[in-house]
Amino acid sequence: MPINSLMEDDASAKISRAQLWQWIRHPEGNLEDGRKMSADLYRKLLDEELAKLQAAASLISRIDLSARTPAKASFVYVPFQKDGRERV
């Protein structure tokens, strides 16, 4: 699904989601500070980053990062699929 009608953005997002899926499952998927990337940590970091983006986007009224948007949904659900396939 294109993001704002840009297929390049869609391709980049797919690569990012695949990397996140692998990072959560890989035994050596650690942050620079040594914390193991887990589903819970990912959700926490995702919420923090989306809150920052939403605050910045408040200046641009047409951007919506609420829970119902495809952009957020793809990063919330794809990394947790058992096989890493998109079903958003």
C-alpha atoms as a PDB file:
ATOM      1  CA  MET A   1       0.000   0.000   0.000  1.00  0.00           C
ATOM      2  CA  PRO A   2       1.551   3.329  -1.018  1.00  0.00           C
ATOM      3  CA  ILE A   3       2.106   5.869   1.718  1.00  0.00           C
ATOM      4  CA  ASN A   4       0.805   9.250   0.550  1.00  0.00           C
ATOM      5  CA  SER A   5       0.820   7.776  -2.981  1.00  0.00           C
ATOM      6  CA  LEU A   6       4.599   7.168  -2.935  1.00  0.00           C
ATOM      7  CA  MET A   7       5.654   3.603  -3.732  1.00  0.00           C
ATOM      8  CA  GLU A   8       9.261   4.352  -2.720  1.00  0.00           C
ATOM      9  CA  ASP A   9       8.084   5.095   0.802  1.00  0.00           C
ATOM     10  CA  ASP A  10       6.140   1.838   0.810  1.00  0.00           C
ATOM     11  CA  ALA A  11       9.226  -0.154  -0.195  1.00  0.00           C
ATOM     12  CA  SER A  12      11.332   1.496   2.519  1.00  0.00           C
ATOM     13  CA  ALA A  13       8.641   0.789   5.095  1.00  0.00           C
ATOM     14  CA  LYS A  14       8.521  -2.894   4.077  1.00  0.00           C
ATOM     15  CA  ILE A  15      12.283  -3.209   4.512  1.00  0.00           C
ATOM     16  CA  SER A  16      12.116  -1.502   7.903  1.00  0.00           C
ATOM     17  CA  ARG A  17       9.319  -3.779   9.086  1.00  0.00           C
ATOM     18  CA  ALA A  18      11.269  -6.863   7.985  1.00  0.00           C
ATOM     19  CA  GLN A  19      14.314  -5.650   9.912  1.00  0.00           C
ATOM     20  CA  LEU A  20      12.214  -5.078  13.016  1.00  0.00           C
ATOM     21  CA  TRP A  21      10.668  -8.538  12.702  1.00  0.00           C
ATOM     22  CA  GLN A  22      14.146 -10.087  12.559  1.00  0.00           C
ATOM     23  CA  TRP A  23      15.547  -7.913  15.331  1.00  0.00           C
ATOM     24  CA  ILE A  24      12.813  -8.965  17.759  1.00  0.00           C
ATOM     25  CA  ARG A  25      13.445 -12.672  17.040  1.00  0.00           C
ATOM     26  CA  HIS A  26      17.230 -12.791  16.686  1.00  0.00           C
ATOM     27  CA  PRO A  27      19.149 -13.914  19.802  1.00  0.00           C
ATOM     28  CA  GLU A  28      21.593 -11.053  19.303  1.00  0.00           C
ATOM     29  CA  GLY A  29      18.959  -8.396  18.626  1.00  0.00           C
ATOM     30  CA  ASN A  30      20.285  -5.946  21.215  1.00  0.00           C
ATOM     31  CA  LEU A  31      20.263  -2.182  21.471  1.00  0.00           C
ATOM     32  CA  GLU A  32      23.514  -0.252  21.757  1.00  0.00           C
ATOM     33  CA  ASP A  33      22.972  -0.021  25.516  1.00  0.00           C
ATOM     34  CA  GLY A  34      22.773  -3.826  25.753  1.00  0.00           C
ATOM     35  CA  ARG A  35      19.008  -4.195  26.207  1.00  0.00           C
ATOM     36  CA  LYS A  36      17.486  -7.121  24.317  1.00  0.00           C
ATOM     37  CA  MET A  37      14.903  -6.058  21.774  1.00  0.00           C
ATOM     38  CA  SER A  38      11.634  -7.687  22.754  1.00  0.00           C
ATOM     39  CA  ALA A  39       8.015  -7.269  21.774  1.00  0.00           C
ATOM     40  CA  ASP A  40       7.321  -5.248  24.919  1.00  0.00           C
ATOM     41  CA  LEU A  41      10.339  -2.994  24.443  1.00  0.00           C
ATOM     42  CA  TYR A  42       9.458  -2.499  20.775  1.00  0.00           C
ATOM     43  CA  ARG A  43       5.896  -1.454  21.646  1.00  0.00           C
ATOM     44  CA  LYS A  44       7.214   0.972  24.271  1.00  0.00           C
ATOM     45  CA  LEU A  45       9.719   2.539  21.872  1.00  0.00           C
ATOM     46  CA  LEU A  46       7.125   2.678  19.093  1.00  0.00           C
ATOM     47  CA  ASP A  47       4.665   4.529  21.325  1.00  0.00           C
ATOM     48  CA  GLU A  48       7.382   6.988  22.384  1.00  0.00           C
ATOM     49  CA  GLU A  49       8.457   7.710  18.812  1.00  0.00           C
ATOM     50  CA  LEU A  50       4.893   8.032  17.518  1.00  0.00           C
ATOM     51  CA  ALA A  51       4.122  10.483  20.332  1.00  0.00           C
ATOM     52  CA  LYS A  52       7.107  12.597  19.222  1.00  0.00           C
ATOM     53  CA  LEU A  53       5.926  12.482  15.612  1.00  0.00           C
ATOM     54  CA  GLN A  54       2.357  13.326  16.588  1.00  0.00           C
ATOM     55  CA  ALA A  55       3.600  16.343  18.574  1.00  0.00           C
ATOM     56  CA  ALA A  56       5.598  17.523  15.564  1.00  0.00           C
ATOM     57  CA  ALA A  57       2.700  16.761  13.236  1.00  0.00           C
ATOM     58  CA  SER A  58       0.346  18.926  15.269  1.00  0.00           C
ATOM     59  CA  LEU A  59       1.834  21.776  13.252  1.00  0.00           C
ATOM     60  CA  ILE A  60       0.723  19.999  10.083  1.00  0.00           C
ATOM     61  CA  SER A  61      -2.934  19.142  10.522  1.00  0.00           C
ATOM     62  CA  ARG A  62      -3.161  16.596   7.685  1.00  0.00           C
ATOM     63  CA  ILE A  63      -0.813  14.062   9.313  1.00  0.00           C
ATOM     64  CA  ASP A  64      -2.572  11.575  11.562  1.00  0.00           C
ATOM     65  CA  LEU A  65      -0.628   8.907  13.448  1.00  0.00           C
ATOM     66  CA  SER A  66      -3.535   7.662  15.518  1.00  0.00           C
ATOM     67  CA  ALA A  67      -3.998   3.941  16.054  1.00  0.00           C
ATOM     68  CA  ARG A  68      -6.327   3.619  13.058  1.00  0.00           C
ATOM     69  CA  THR A  69      -3.932   4.763  10.330  1.00  0.00           C
ATOM     70  CA  PRO A  70      -2.318   2.209   7.983  1.00  0.00           C
ATOM     71  CA  ALA A  71       1.131   3.660   8.659  1.00  0.00           C
ATOM     72  CA  LYS A  72       0.958   2.913  12.377  1.00  0.00           C
ATOM     73  CA  ALA A  73      -0.852  -0.382  11.879  1.00  0.00           C
ATOM     74  CA  SER A  74       1.871  -1.711   9.619  1.00  0.00           C
ATOM     75  CA  PHE A  75       4.559  -1.034  12.200  1.00  0.00           C
ATOM     76  CA  VAL A  76       2.458  -2.343  15.067  1.00  0.00           C
ATOM     77  CA  TYR A  77       1.397  -5.670  13.606  1.00  0.00           C
ATOM     78  CA  VAL A  78       3.936  -6.821  10.993  1.00  0.00           C
ATOM     79  CA  PRO A  79       6.916  -7.197  13.367  1.00  0.00           C
ATOM     80  CA  PHE A  80       4.793  -9.556  15.482  1.00  0.00           C
ATOM     81  CA  GLN A  81       3.602 -11.879  12.706  1.00  0.00           C
ATOM     82  CA  LYS A  82       5.110 -15.316  13.234  1.00  0.00           C
ATOM     83  CA  ASP A  83       6.324 -15.534   9.651  1.00  0.00           C
ATOM     84  CA  GLY A  84       6.998 -11.818   9.093  1.00  0.00           C
ATOM     85  CA  ARG A  85       4.455 -11.550   6.258  1.00  0.00           C
ATOM     86  CA  GLU A  86       2.332  -8.467   5.905  1.00  0.00           C
ATOM     87  CA  ARG A  87      -1.344  -8.872   6.665  1.00  0.00           C
ATOM     88  CA  VAL A  88      -2.259  -5.292   7.385  1.00  0.00           C
END
